[in-house]
Every structure is written in C-alpha cells, then in structure tokens.
N, C-alpha and C. Protein backbone atom coordinates (compact mmCIF):
# COMPACT_ATOMS: atom_id res chain seq x y z
N MET A 1 104.28 100.14 137.85
CA MET A 1 103.57 98.89 137.53
C MET A 1 103.50 98.71 136.03
N GLY A 2 103.62 97.44 135.58
CA GLY A 2 103.63 97.18 134.13
C GLY A 2 102.27 96.69 133.68
N ARG A 3 102.13 96.77 132.40
CA ARG A 3 100.87 96.26 131.75
C ARG A 3 101.29 95.46 130.50
N ASP A 4 100.75 94.26 130.36
CA ASP A 4 101.09 93.49 129.17
C ASP A 4 99.85 93.35 128.28
N PHE A 5 100.12 93.43 126.95
CA PHE A 5 99.07 93.30 126.00
C PHE A 5 99.62 92.88 124.65
N THR A 6 98.80 92.52 123.74
CA THR A 6 99.20 92.17 122.37
C THR A 6 98.73 93.21 121.39
N VAL A 7 99.47 93.41 120.32
CA VAL A 7 99.02 94.27 119.24
C VAL A 7 99.08 93.45 117.96
N ASN A 8 98.19 93.73 117.03
CA ASN A 8 98.20 93.05 115.72
C ASN A 8 98.24 94.12 114.66
N PHE A 9 99.08 93.89 113.68
CA PHE A 9 99.19 94.84 112.55
C PHE A 9 99.71 94.09 111.33
N ARG A 10 99.81 94.83 110.24
CA ARG A 10 100.30 94.22 109.00
C ARG A 10 101.68 94.81 108.68
N TYR A 11 102.52 93.95 108.25
CA TYR A 11 103.89 94.35 107.79
C TYR A 11 104.19 93.56 106.55
N LYS A 12 104.39 94.25 105.41
CA LYS A 12 104.67 93.65 104.14
C LYS A 12 103.56 92.65 103.77
N GLU A 13 102.34 93.13 104.00
CA GLU A 13 101.13 92.39 103.60
C GLU A 13 100.87 91.11 104.44
N GLN A 14 101.60 90.97 105.54
CA GLN A 14 101.47 89.80 106.38
C GLN A 14 101.03 90.22 107.76
N PRO A 15 100.17 89.46 108.40
CA PRO A 15 99.72 89.77 109.77
C PRO A 15 100.85 89.50 110.77
N VAL A 16 101.00 90.40 111.71
CA VAL A 16 102.05 90.31 112.73
C VAL A 16 101.41 90.49 114.12
N THR A 17 101.83 89.65 115.04
CA THR A 17 101.39 89.83 116.43
C THR A 17 102.62 90.06 117.29
N ALA A 18 102.50 91.00 118.19
CA ALA A 18 103.59 91.33 119.08
C ALA A 18 103.10 91.44 120.50
N LEU A 19 103.95 90.94 121.42
CA LEU A 19 103.65 91.09 122.88
C LEU A 19 104.29 92.37 123.35
N VAL A 20 103.53 93.17 124.10
CA VAL A 20 104.10 94.45 124.53
C VAL A 20 104.02 94.50 126.06
N ASN A 21 105.12 94.91 126.68
CA ASN A 21 105.16 95.17 128.14
C ASN A 21 105.36 96.64 128.25
N LEU A 22 104.39 97.34 128.85
CA LEU A 22 104.39 98.76 129.04
C LEU A 22 104.65 99.06 130.48
N ARG A 23 105.65 99.91 130.76
CA ARG A 23 105.95 100.32 132.13
C ARG A 23 106.08 101.82 132.30
N ASP A 24 105.61 102.29 133.43
CA ASP A 24 105.82 103.67 133.81
C ASP A 24 107.28 103.87 134.20
N GLN A 25 107.83 104.98 133.73
CA GLN A 25 109.15 105.38 134.16
C GLN A 25 109.09 106.90 134.43
N GLY A 26 108.63 107.19 135.64
CA GLY A 26 108.41 108.62 135.94
C GLY A 26 107.27 109.17 135.15
N TYR A 27 107.58 110.19 134.37
CA TYR A 27 106.61 110.78 133.48
C TYR A 27 106.59 110.20 132.08
N ASP A 28 107.36 109.13 131.90
CA ASP A 28 107.55 108.58 130.57
C ASP A 28 106.99 107.12 130.62
N LEU A 29 106.75 106.53 129.45
CA LEU A 29 106.38 105.15 129.35
C LEU A 29 107.44 104.36 128.54
N SER A 30 107.79 103.22 128.98
CA SER A 30 108.77 102.37 128.27
C SER A 30 108.03 101.12 127.72
N CYS A 31 108.32 100.79 126.46
CA CYS A 31 107.73 99.63 125.87
C CYS A 31 108.71 98.62 125.49
N MET A 32 108.57 97.36 125.86
CA MET A 32 109.40 96.30 125.42
C MET A 32 108.48 95.36 124.51
N VAL A 33 108.96 95.20 123.31
CA VAL A 33 108.12 94.48 122.33
C VAL A 33 108.83 93.19 121.90
N ARG A 34 108.13 92.10 121.94
CA ARG A 34 108.69 90.79 121.42
C ARG A 34 107.65 90.36 120.35
N TYR A 35 108.22 89.97 119.22
CA TYR A 35 107.38 89.47 118.11
C TYR A 35 107.21 87.96 118.15
N LEU A 36 106.00 87.53 117.84
CA LEU A 36 105.66 86.11 117.88
C LEU A 36 106.06 85.42 116.60
N ASP A 37 106.17 86.07 115.47
CA ASP A 37 106.52 85.52 114.20
C ASP A 37 108.03 85.40 114.16
N GLN A 38 108.55 84.20 113.94
CA GLN A 38 110.01 83.98 113.96
C GLN A 38 110.74 84.77 112.85
N ASP A 39 110.10 84.91 111.68
CA ASP A 39 110.73 85.66 110.61
C ASP A 39 110.90 87.13 111.02
N ILE A 40 109.93 87.69 111.62
CA ILE A 40 110.01 89.08 112.07
C ILE A 40 110.99 89.21 113.26
N GLU A 41 110.93 88.27 114.15
CA GLU A 41 111.83 88.29 115.32
C GLU A 41 113.30 88.34 114.94
N THR A 42 113.64 87.64 113.82
CA THR A 42 115.05 87.59 113.48
C THR A 42 115.52 88.89 112.84
N MET A 43 114.61 89.82 112.46
CA MET A 43 114.95 91.10 111.89
C MET A 43 115.53 92.04 112.92
N VAL A 44 115.28 91.79 114.14
CA VAL A 44 115.65 92.72 115.24
C VAL A 44 116.63 91.95 116.19
N PRO A 45 117.76 92.53 116.49
CA PRO A 45 118.68 91.90 117.45
C PRO A 45 117.94 91.44 118.72
N GLU A 46 118.25 90.27 119.19
CA GLU A 46 117.62 89.71 120.35
C GLU A 46 116.09 89.53 120.19
N GLY A 47 115.58 89.77 119.04
CA GLY A 47 114.14 89.55 118.81
C GLY A 47 113.26 90.52 119.54
N LYS A 48 113.79 91.64 120.03
CA LYS A 48 112.88 92.57 120.74
C LYS A 48 113.29 94.04 120.46
N LEU A 49 112.34 94.87 120.60
CA LEU A 49 112.52 96.35 120.53
C LEU A 49 112.21 96.92 121.91
N VAL A 50 112.98 97.89 122.39
CA VAL A 50 112.72 98.59 123.62
C VAL A 50 112.76 100.09 123.25
N PHE A 51 111.71 100.79 123.59
CA PHE A 51 111.71 102.22 123.31
C PHE A 51 110.85 102.87 124.34
N SER A 52 111.11 104.19 124.57
CA SER A 52 110.25 104.99 125.45
C SER A 52 109.58 106.01 124.63
N LEU A 53 108.46 106.44 125.10
CA LEU A 53 107.68 107.45 124.39
C LEU A 53 108.47 108.79 124.34
N GLY A 54 109.16 109.05 125.44
CA GLY A 54 109.89 110.35 125.52
C GLY A 54 111.29 110.32 124.89
N ASN A 55 112.00 109.20 124.98
CA ASN A 55 113.39 109.12 124.55
C ASN A 55 113.63 108.30 123.30
N GLY A 56 112.57 107.68 122.78
CA GLY A 56 112.72 106.94 121.53
C GLY A 56 113.36 105.60 121.73
N LEU A 57 114.00 105.07 120.66
CA LEU A 57 114.56 103.71 120.65
C LEU A 57 115.70 103.58 121.64
N GLN A 58 115.66 102.53 122.44
CA GLN A 58 116.71 102.23 123.41
C GLN A 58 117.44 100.95 123.05
N ALA A 59 116.76 99.91 122.55
CA ALA A 59 117.44 98.69 122.15
C ALA A 59 116.73 98.12 120.97
N PRO A 60 117.34 97.77 119.90
CA PRO A 60 118.80 97.99 119.70
C PRO A 60 119.08 99.52 119.62
N ARG A 61 120.36 99.83 119.73
CA ARG A 61 120.74 101.24 119.71
C ARG A 61 120.29 102.00 118.50
N GLN A 62 120.32 101.27 117.35
CA GLN A 62 119.84 101.86 116.11
C GLN A 62 119.35 100.77 115.19
N LEU A 63 118.43 101.16 114.29
CA LEU A 63 117.95 100.25 113.29
C LEU A 63 118.71 100.47 112.02
N THR A 64 119.21 99.42 111.35
CA THR A 64 120.20 99.65 110.27
C THR A 64 119.59 99.73 108.89
N GLY A 65 118.36 99.32 108.68
CA GLY A 65 117.85 99.37 107.35
C GLY A 65 116.37 99.77 107.27
N GLN A 66 115.95 100.05 106.06
CA GLN A 66 114.57 100.46 105.86
C GLN A 66 113.56 99.43 106.35
N PRO A 67 113.78 98.09 106.12
CA PRO A 67 112.82 97.12 106.67
C PRO A 67 112.65 97.24 108.19
N GLN A 68 113.76 97.40 108.93
CA GLN A 68 113.66 97.53 110.39
C GLN A 68 112.97 98.82 110.78
N LEU A 69 113.27 99.90 110.07
CA LEU A 69 112.63 101.19 110.36
C LEU A 69 111.12 101.10 110.14
N GLU A 70 110.70 100.43 109.03
CA GLU A 70 109.29 100.28 108.73
C GLU A 70 108.61 99.41 109.80
N LEU A 71 109.28 98.35 110.23
CA LEU A 71 108.73 97.47 111.28
C LEU A 71 108.56 98.27 112.57
N PHE A 72 109.52 99.06 112.92
CA PHE A 72 109.41 99.89 114.16
C PHE A 72 108.27 100.87 114.04
N SER A 73 108.16 101.51 112.89
CA SER A 73 107.06 102.46 112.63
C SER A 73 105.67 101.77 112.77
N ARG A 74 105.51 100.65 112.12
CA ARG A 74 104.19 99.97 112.18
C ARG A 74 103.92 99.46 113.62
N THR A 75 104.96 99.05 114.29
CA THR A 75 104.81 98.55 115.73
C THR A 75 104.34 99.74 116.58
N SER A 76 105.06 100.85 116.50
CA SER A 76 104.73 102.01 117.34
C SER A 76 103.31 102.53 117.00
N GLU A 77 102.91 102.52 115.74
CA GLU A 77 101.55 102.94 115.40
C GLU A 77 100.52 102.04 115.96
N ALA A 78 100.77 100.68 115.97
CA ALA A 78 99.79 99.76 116.55
C ALA A 78 99.72 99.95 118.08
N ILE A 79 100.80 100.25 118.72
CA ILE A 79 100.80 100.50 120.18
C ILE A 79 99.98 101.76 120.47
N SER A 80 100.26 102.79 119.68
CA SER A 80 99.52 104.05 119.86
C SER A 80 98.02 103.89 119.64
N ARG A 81 97.65 103.07 118.62
CA ARG A 81 96.20 102.84 118.44
C ARG A 81 95.65 102.03 119.62
N TYR A 82 96.34 101.13 120.16
CA TYR A 82 95.85 100.35 121.28
C TYR A 82 95.69 101.28 122.50
N LEU A 83 96.64 102.09 122.76
CA LEU A 83 96.60 103.00 123.93
C LEU A 83 95.53 104.03 123.74
N GLY A 84 95.29 104.46 122.52
CA GLY A 84 94.24 105.47 122.28
C GLY A 84 92.87 104.92 122.46
N ALA A 85 92.70 103.59 122.46
CA ALA A 85 91.40 102.99 122.62
C ALA A 85 90.99 103.02 124.10
N PHE A 86 91.94 103.27 125.03
CA PHE A 86 91.60 103.30 126.44
C PHE A 86 91.61 104.66 127.03
C-alpha cells in the first residue's frame, strides 16, 4: 500500500515543496518524488526522482552535477525528517 504526503525544505535559499509517494517493496521502501516548483522540476529528467531506501537512486540512473546531488540530498533529508515524526 502507498502513502502520499508533501515535504517542504529549502534549496539554494528558496522554499521547495515536493509530493512524495511512498510504497512498501518487501522489506524496502520506494519513494517517487515530484517537485511542484517548475524551476526545480526541470533540473531532474522527467521532473521526478525515484529511489529506494535500500537500493538508492533508481531514476534517473544517475545525477550529473552538484546541483542535482544537493537537491537529492535535501529531498531525502526532508523525507527522513517527515518519516521520523511518525
């Protein structure tokens, strides 16, 4: 079963909101993230990140630059904080 929620965080001093779909995959969790800000969305192919807690980044296959890596890091930290609150 999936669970949808939003996370808010700052990236390059700007507020960012992302929609997260969290799904169980056996003993792992998979996250699909879509960004609401169009400028942020264009940084990532297809405007979304997919990663699992156990296997890491799944889509896109790799992030090509420091801005994308920082965005992924801030996004995963926001998701971790959200999940830690429950």
